[in-house]
Amino acid sequence: MKTDTSANLAAVPDDFVWGAAAIGKYLGRSKEATWFMLEQNRVPGAKKVAGRWGMHVPTFLASFIVAA
């Protein structure tokens, strides 16, 4: 039986997402709203590297885990 691997790859987060537009797509926000959030340091795991925004996805996701 053949499986569709493209759907499986979409479910696995990459280590990094680069650029405000791509980060916005990942967050479900517009590019402008994402840019504002990034400039205000409101996105966990996001840093500006050489003038380009990058977000470390595991760090971002870990910020939502609540310790019991």
PDB file of N, CA and C in Angstrom:
ATOM      1  N   MET A   1       0.837  -1.186   0.000  1.00  0.00           N
ATOM      2  CA  MET A   1       0.000   0.000   0.000  1.00  0.00           C
ATOM      3  C   MET A   1       0.878   1.243   0.000  1.00  0.00           C
ATOM      4  N   LYS A   2       0.579   2.179  -0.863  1.00  0.00           N
ATOM      5  CA  LYS A   2       1.355   3.405  -0.987  1.00  0.00           C
ATOM      6  C   LYS A   2       0.755   4.482  -0.094  1.00  0.00           C
ATOM      7  N   THR A   3       1.605   5.192   0.656  1.00  0.00           N
ATOM      8  CA  THR A   3       1.123   6.270   1.521  1.00  0.00           C
ATOM      9  C   THR A   3       1.573   7.608   0.977  1.00  0.00           C
ATOM     10  N   ASP A   4       0.819   8.618   1.293  1.00  0.00           N
ATOM     11  CA  ASP A   4       1.148   9.980   0.884  1.00  0.00           C
ATOM     12  C   ASP A   4       2.113  10.568   1.906  1.00  0.00           C
ATOM     13  N   THR A   5       3.375  10.734   1.523  1.00  0.00           N
ATOM     14  CA  THR A   5       4.383  11.239   2.458  1.00  0.00           C
ATOM     15  C   THR A   5       4.311  12.745   2.634  1.00  0.00           C
ATOM     16  N   SER A   6       3.726  13.471   1.703  1.00  0.00           N
ATOM     17  CA  SER A   6       3.666  14.935   1.831  1.00  0.00           C
ATOM     18  C   SER A   6       2.827  15.353   3.032  1.00  0.00           C
ATOM     19  N   ALA A   7       1.770  14.634   3.326  1.00  0.00           N
ATOM     20  CA  ALA A   7       0.946  14.963   4.491  1.00  0.00           C
ATOM     21  C   ALA A   7       1.700  14.675   5.776  1.00  0.00           C
ATOM     22  N   ASN A   8       2.503  13.605   5.789  1.00  0.00           N
ATOM     23  CA  ASN A   8       3.285  13.267   6.974  1.00  0.00           C
ATOM     24  C   ASN A   8       4.376  14.292   7.235  1.00  0.00           C
ATOM     25  N   LEU A   9       5.013  14.806   6.187  1.00  0.00           N
ATOM     26  CA  LEU A   9       6.071  15.794   6.363  1.00  0.00           C
ATOM     27  C   LEU A   9       5.529  17.120   6.865  1.00  0.00           C
ATOM     28  N   ALA A  10       4.312  17.471   6.492  1.00  0.00           N
ATOM     29  CA  ALA A  10       3.728  18.736   6.936  1.00  0.00           C
ATOM     30  C   ALA A  10       3.440  18.715   8.427  1.00  0.00           C
ATOM     31  N   ALA A  11       3.233  17.538   9.000  1.00  0.00           N
ATOM     32  CA  ALA A  11       2.905  17.445  10.415  1.00  0.00           C
ATOM     33  C   ALA A  11       4.144  17.562  11.296  1.00  0.00           C
ATOM     34  N   VAL A  12       5.337  17.334  10.731  1.00  0.00           N
ATOM     35  CA  VAL A  12       6.573  17.405  11.502  1.00  0.00           C
ATOM     36  C   VAL A  12       7.146  18.812  11.382  1.00  0.00           C
ATOM     37  N   PRO A  13       7.285  19.529  12.522  1.00  0.00           N
ATOM     38  CA  PRO A  13       7.824  20.894  12.424  1.00  0.00           C
ATOM     39  C   PRO A  13       9.316  20.882  12.100  1.00  0.00           C
ATOM     40  N   ASP A  14       9.750  21.828  11.290  1.00  0.00           N
ATOM     41  CA  ASP A  14      11.171  22.002  11.002  1.00  0.00           C
ATOM     42  C   ASP A  14      11.832  22.625  12.225  1.00  0.00           C
ATOM     43  N   ASP A  15      13.145  22.594  12.241  1.00  0.00           N
ATOM     44  CA  ASP A  15      13.851  23.211  13.365  1.00  0.00           C
ATOM     45  C   ASP A  15      13.751  24.735  13.332  1.00  0.00           C
ATOM     46  N   PHE A  16      13.821  25.314  12.132  1.00  0.00           N
ATOM     47  CA  PHE A  16      13.767  26.766  11.999  1.00  0.00           C
ATOM     48  C   PHE A  16      12.785  27.178  10.914  1.00  0.00           C
ATOM     49  N   VAL A  17      12.187  28.331  11.119  1.00  0.00           N
ATOM     50  CA  VAL A  17      11.359  28.984  10.107  1.00  0.00           C
ATOM     51  C   VAL A  17      12.005  30.345   9.886  1.00  0.00           C
ATOM     52  N   TRP A  18      12.302  30.683   8.636  1.00  0.00           N
ATOM     53  CA  TRP A  18      13.022  31.918   8.329  1.00  0.00           C
ATOM     54  C   TRP A  18      12.139  32.924   7.601  1.00  0.00           C
ATOM     55  N   GLY A  19      12.209  34.167   8.023  1.00  0.00           N
ATOM     56  CA  GLY A  19      11.482  35.266   7.395  1.00  0.00           C
ATOM     57  C   GLY A  19      10.160  35.543   8.084  1.00  0.00           C
ATOM     58  N   ALA A  20       9.809  36.826   8.160  1.00  0.00           N
ATOM     59  CA  ALA A  20       8.580  37.241   8.843  1.00  0.00           C
ATOM     60  C   ALA A  20       7.339  36.649   8.183  1.00  0.00           C
ATOM     61  N   ALA A  21       7.331  36.561   6.875  1.00  0.00           N
ATOM     62  CA  ALA A  21       6.160  36.020   6.171  1.00  0.00           C
ATOM     63  C   ALA A  21       5.959  34.538   6.505  1.00  0.00           C
ATOM     64  N   ALA A  22       7.040  33.765   6.501  1.00  0.00           N
ATOM     65  CA  ALA A  22       6.944  32.330   6.809  1.00  0.00           C
ATOM     66  C   ALA A  22       6.578  32.109   8.272  1.00  0.00           C
ATOM     67  N   ILE A  23       7.131  32.925   9.154  1.00  0.00           N
ATOM     68  CA  ILE A  23       6.786  32.821  10.572  1.00  0.00           C
ATOM     69  C   ILE A  23       5.313  33.159  10.756  1.00  0.00           C
ATOM     70  N   GLY A  24       4.831  34.169  10.044  1.00  0.00           N
ATOM     71  CA  GLY A  24       3.420  34.544  10.101  1.00  0.00           C
ATOM     72  C   GLY A  24       2.506  33.426   9.655  1.00  0.00           C
ATOM     73  N   LYS A  25       2.884  32.719   8.600  1.00  0.00           N
ATOM     74  CA  LYS A  25       2.091  31.576   8.142  1.00  0.00           C
ATOM     75  C   LYS A  25       2.051  30.498   9.214  1.00  0.00           C
ATOM     76  N   TYR A  26       3.194  30.255   9.852  1.00  0.00           N
ATOM     77  CA  TYR A  26       3.262  29.242  10.906  1.00  0.00           C
ATOM     78  C   TYR A  26       2.384  29.636  12.095  1.00  0.00           C
ATOM     79  N   LEU A  27       2.357  30.948  12.417  1.00  0.00           N
ATOM     80  CA  LEU A  27       1.569  31.438  13.551  1.00  0.00           C
ATOM     81  C   LEU A  27       0.108  31.691  13.203  1.00  0.00           C
ATOM     82  N   GLY A  28      -0.198  31.755  11.909  1.00  0.00           N
ATOM     83  CA  GLY A  28      -1.563  32.053  11.494  1.00  0.00           C
ATOM     84  C   GLY A  28      -1.872  33.538  11.584  1.00  0.00           C
ATOM     85  N   ARG A  29      -0.863  34.374  11.357  1.00  0.00           N
ATOM     86  CA  ARG A  29      -1.001  35.829  11.420  1.00  0.00           C
ATOM     87  C   ARG A  29      -0.549  36.436  10.103  1.00  0.00           C
ATOM     88  N   SER A  30      -0.926  37.680   9.880  1.00  0.00           N
ATOM     89  CA  SER A  30      -0.471  38.380   8.680  1.00  0.00           C
ATOM     90  C   SER A  30       1.005  38.731   8.834  1.00  0.00           C
ATOM     91  N   LYS A  31       1.644  39.049   7.717  1.00  0.00           N
ATOM     92  CA  LYS A  31       3.056  39.421   7.743  1.00  0.00           C
ATOM     93  C   LYS A  31       3.261  40.665   8.601  1.00  0.00           C
ATOM     94  N   GLU A  32       2.359  41.628   8.490  1.00  0.00           N
ATOM     95  CA  GLU A  32       2.479  42.874   9.231  1.00  0.00           C
ATOM     96  C   GLU A  32       2.334  42.650  10.735  1.00  0.00           C
ATOM     97  N   ALA A  33       1.338  41.855  11.129  1.00  0.00           N
ATOM     98  CA  ALA A  33       1.126  41.561  12.550  1.00  0.00           C
ATOM     99  C   ALA A  33       2.309  40.783  13.113  1.00  0.00           C
ATOM    100  N   THR A  34       2.836  39.855  12.322  1.00  0.00           N
ATOM    101  CA  THR A  34       3.983  39.069  12.755  1.00  0.00           C
ATOM    102  C   THR A  34       5.211  39.960  12.913  1.00  0.00           C
ATOM    103  N   TRP A  35       5.424  40.847  11.949  1.00  0.00           N
ATOM    104  CA  TRP A  35       6.559  41.763  12.015  1.00  0.00           C
ATOM    105  C   TRP A  35       6.494  42.595  13.297  1.00  0.00           C
ATOM    106  N   PHE A  36       5.322  43.115  13.633  1.00  0.00           N
ATOM    107  CA  PHE A  36       5.136  43.897  14.850  1.00  0.00           C
ATOM    108  C   PHE A  36       5.459  43.058  16.087  1.00  0.00           C
ATOM    109  N   MET A  37       4.959  41.820  16.129  1.00  0.00           N
ATOM    110  CA  MET A  37       5.220  40.925  17.266  1.00  0.00           C
ATOM    111  C   MET A  37       6.708  40.604  17.381  1.00  0.00           C
ATOM    112  N   LEU A  38       7.369  40.388  16.251  1.00  0.00           N
ATOM    113  CA  LEU A  38       8.793  40.082  16.262  1.00  0.00           C
ATOM    114  C   LEU A  38       9.606  41.271  16.773  1.00  0.00           C
ATOM    115  N   GLU A  39       9.292  42.454  16.301  1.00  0.00           N
ATOM    116  CA  GLU A  39      10.018  43.655  16.712  1.00  0.00           C
ATOM    117  C   GLU A  39       9.841  43.944  18.203  1.00  0.00           C
ATOM    118  N   GLN A  40       8.751  43.496  18.791  1.00  0.00           N
ATOM    119  CA  GLN A  40       8.490  43.706  20.215  1.00  0.00           C
ATOM    120  C   GLN A  40       8.936  42.507  21.060  1.00  0.00           C
ATOM    121  N   ASN A  41       9.643  41.559  20.438  1.00  0.00           N
ATOM    122  CA  ASN A  41      10.136  40.352  21.120  1.00  0.00           C
ATOM    123  C   ASN A  41       9.017  39.576  21.803  1.00  0.00           C
ATOM    124  N   ARG A  42       7.901  39.411  21.123  1.00  0.00           N
ATOM    125  CA  ARG A  42       6.752  38.689  21.665  1.00  0.00           C
ATOM    126  C   ARG A  42       6.581  37.294  21.082  1.00  0.00           C
ATOM    127  N   VAL A  43       7.577  36.829  20.331  1.00  0.00           N
ATOM    128  CA  VAL A  43       7.523  35.484  19.751  1.00  0.00           C
ATOM    129  C   VAL A  43       8.664  34.674  20.368  1.00  0.00           C
ATOM    130  N   PRO A  44       8.351  33.736  21.265  1.00  0.00           N
ATOM    131  CA  PRO A  44       9.410  32.930  21.883  1.00  0.00           C
ATOM    132  C   PRO A  44      10.185  32.130  20.840  1.00  0.00           C
ATOM    133  N   GLY A  45      11.500  32.132  20.967  1.00  0.00           N
ATOM    134  CA  GLY A  45      12.341  31.378  20.045  1.00  0.00           C
ATOM    135  C   GLY A  45      12.706  32.127  18.784  1.00  0.00           C
ATOM    136  N   ALA A  46      12.283  33.391  18.655  1.00  0.00           N
ATOM    137  CA  ALA A  46      12.578  34.174  17.455  1.00  0.00           C
ATOM    138  C   ALA A  46      13.732  35.138  17.721  1.00  0.00           C
ATOM    139  N   LYS A  47      14.630  35.232  16.739  1.00  0.00           N
ATOM    140  CA  LYS A  47      15.761  36.148  16.811  1.00  0.00           C
ATOM    141  C   LYS A  47      16.032  36.714  15.431  1.00  0.00           C
ATOM    142  N   LYS A  48      16.627  37.890  15.413  1.00  0.00           N
ATOM    143  CA  LYS A  48      17.040  38.492  14.155  1.00  0.00           C
ATOM    144  C   LYS A  48      18.507  38.132  13.934  1.00  0.00           C
ATOM    145  N   VAL A  49      18.781  37.452  12.827  1.00  0.00           N
ATOM    146  CA  VAL A  49      20.126  37.020  12.487  1.00  0.00           C
ATOM    147  C   VAL A  49      20.501  37.642  11.147  1.00  0.00           C
ATOM    148  N   ALA A  50      21.519  38.477  11.165  1.00  0.00           N
ATOM    149  CA  ALA A  50      22.000  39.145   9.949  1.00  0.00           C
ATOM    150  C   ALA A  50      20.869  39.877   9.226  1.00  0.00           C
ATOM    151  N   GLY A  51      19.980  40.511   9.984  1.00  0.00           N
ATOM    152  CA  GLY A  51      18.893  41.292   9.410  1.00  0.00           C
ATOM    153  C   GLY A  51      17.672  40.491   8.993  1.00  0.00           C
ATOM    154  N   ARG A  52      17.667  39.203   9.258  1.00  0.00           N
ATOM    155  CA  ARG A  52      16.539  38.342   8.871  1.00  0.00           C
ATOM    156  C   ARG A  52      16.005  37.622  10.101  1.00  0.00           C
ATOM    157  N   TRP A  53      14.677  37.601  10.226  1.00  0.00           N
ATOM    158  CA  TRP A  53      14.060  36.942  11.374  1.00  0.00           C
ATOM    159  C   TRP A  53      14.044  35.437  11.179  1.00  0.00           C
ATOM    160  N   GLY A  54      14.355  34.733  12.261  1.00  0.00           N
ATOM    161  CA  GLY A  54      14.286  33.283  12.280  1.00  0.00           C
ATOM    162  C   GLY A  54      13.627  32.839  13.575  1.00  0.00           C
ATOM    163  N   MET A  55      12.878  31.755  13.520  1.00  0.00           N
ATOM    164  CA  MET A  55      12.217  31.237  14.710  1.00  0.00           C
ATOM    165  C   MET A  55      12.563  29.770  14.883  1.00  0.00           C
ATOM    166  N   HIS A  56      13.050  29.419  16.066  1.00  0.00           N
ATOM    167  CA  HIS A  56      13.350  28.030  16.406  1.00  0.00           C
ATOM    168  C   HIS A  56      12.045  27.403  16.875  1.00  0.00           C
ATOM    169  N   VAL A  57      11.489  26.528  16.077  1.00  0.00           N
ATOM    170  CA  VAL A  57      10.161  25.963  16.317  1.00  0.00           C
ATOM    171  C   VAL A  57      10.081  25.177  17.634  1.00  0.00           C
ATOM    172  N   PRO A  58      11.041  24.309  17.970  1.00  0.00           N
ATOM    173  CA  PRO A  58      10.934  23.593  19.252  1.00  0.00           C
ATOM    174  C   PRO A  58      10.898  24.530  20.465  1.00  0.00           C
ATOM    175  N   THR A  59      11.657  25.619  20.423  1.00  0.00           N
ATOM    176  CA  THR A  59      11.618  26.592  21.528  1.00  0.00           C
ATOM    177  C   THR A  59      10.261  27.274  21.591  1.00  0.00           C
ATOM    178  N   PHE A  60       9.719  27.621  20.440  1.00  0.00           N
ATOM    179  CA  PHE A  60       8.397  28.246  20.403  1.00  0.00           C
ATOM    180  C   PHE A  60       7.341  27.313  20.976  1.00  0.00           C
ATOM    181  N   LEU A  61       7.352  26.052  20.553  1.00  0.00           N
ATOM    182  CA  LEU A  61       6.367  25.099  21.027  1.00  0.00           C
ATOM    183  C   LEU A  61       6.544  24.795  22.518  1.00  0.00           C
ATOM    184  N   ALA A  62       7.774  24.759  22.994  1.00  0.00           N
ATOM    185  CA  ALA A  62       8.051  24.481  24.404  1.00  0.00           C
ATOM    186  C   ALA A  62       7.523  25.594  25.313  1.00  0.00           C
ATOM    187  N   SER A  63       7.360  26.796  24.788  1.00  0.00           N
ATOM    188  CA  SER A  63       6.879  27.902  25.619  1.00  0.00           C
ATOM    189  C   SER A  63       5.412  27.710  26.018  1.00  0.00           C
ATOM    190  N   PHE A  64       4.713  26.780  25.376  1.00  0.00           N
ATOM    191  CA  PHE A  64       3.313  26.534  25.702  1.00  0.00           C
ATOM    192  C   PHE A  64       3.112  25.357  26.651  1.00  0.00           C
ATOM    193  N   ILE A  65       4.194  24.655  26.980  1.00  0.00           N
ATOM    194  CA  ILE A  65       4.091  23.519  27.890  1.00  0.00           C
ATOM    195  C   ILE A  65       4.098  24.038  29.309  1.00  0.00           C
ATOM    196  N   VAL A  66       3.100  23.632  30.073  1.00  0.00           N
ATOM    197  CA  VAL A  66       2.960  24.064  31.462  1.00  0.00           C
ATOM    198  C   VAL A  66       3.397  22.917  32.368  1.00  0.00           C
ATOM    199  N   ALA A  67       4.352  23.213  33.240  1.00  0.00           N
ATOM    200  CA  ALA A  67       4.803  22.182  34.178  1.00  0.00           C
ATOM    201  C   ALA A  67       3.745  21.945  35.246  1.00  0.00           C
ATOM    202  N   ALA A  68       3.520  20.696  35.597  1.00  0.00           N
ATOM    203  CA  ALA A  68       2.499  20.364  36.580  1.00  0.00           C
ATOM    204  C   ALA A  68       2.987  20.545  37.989  1.00  0.00           C
TER     205      ALA A  68
END
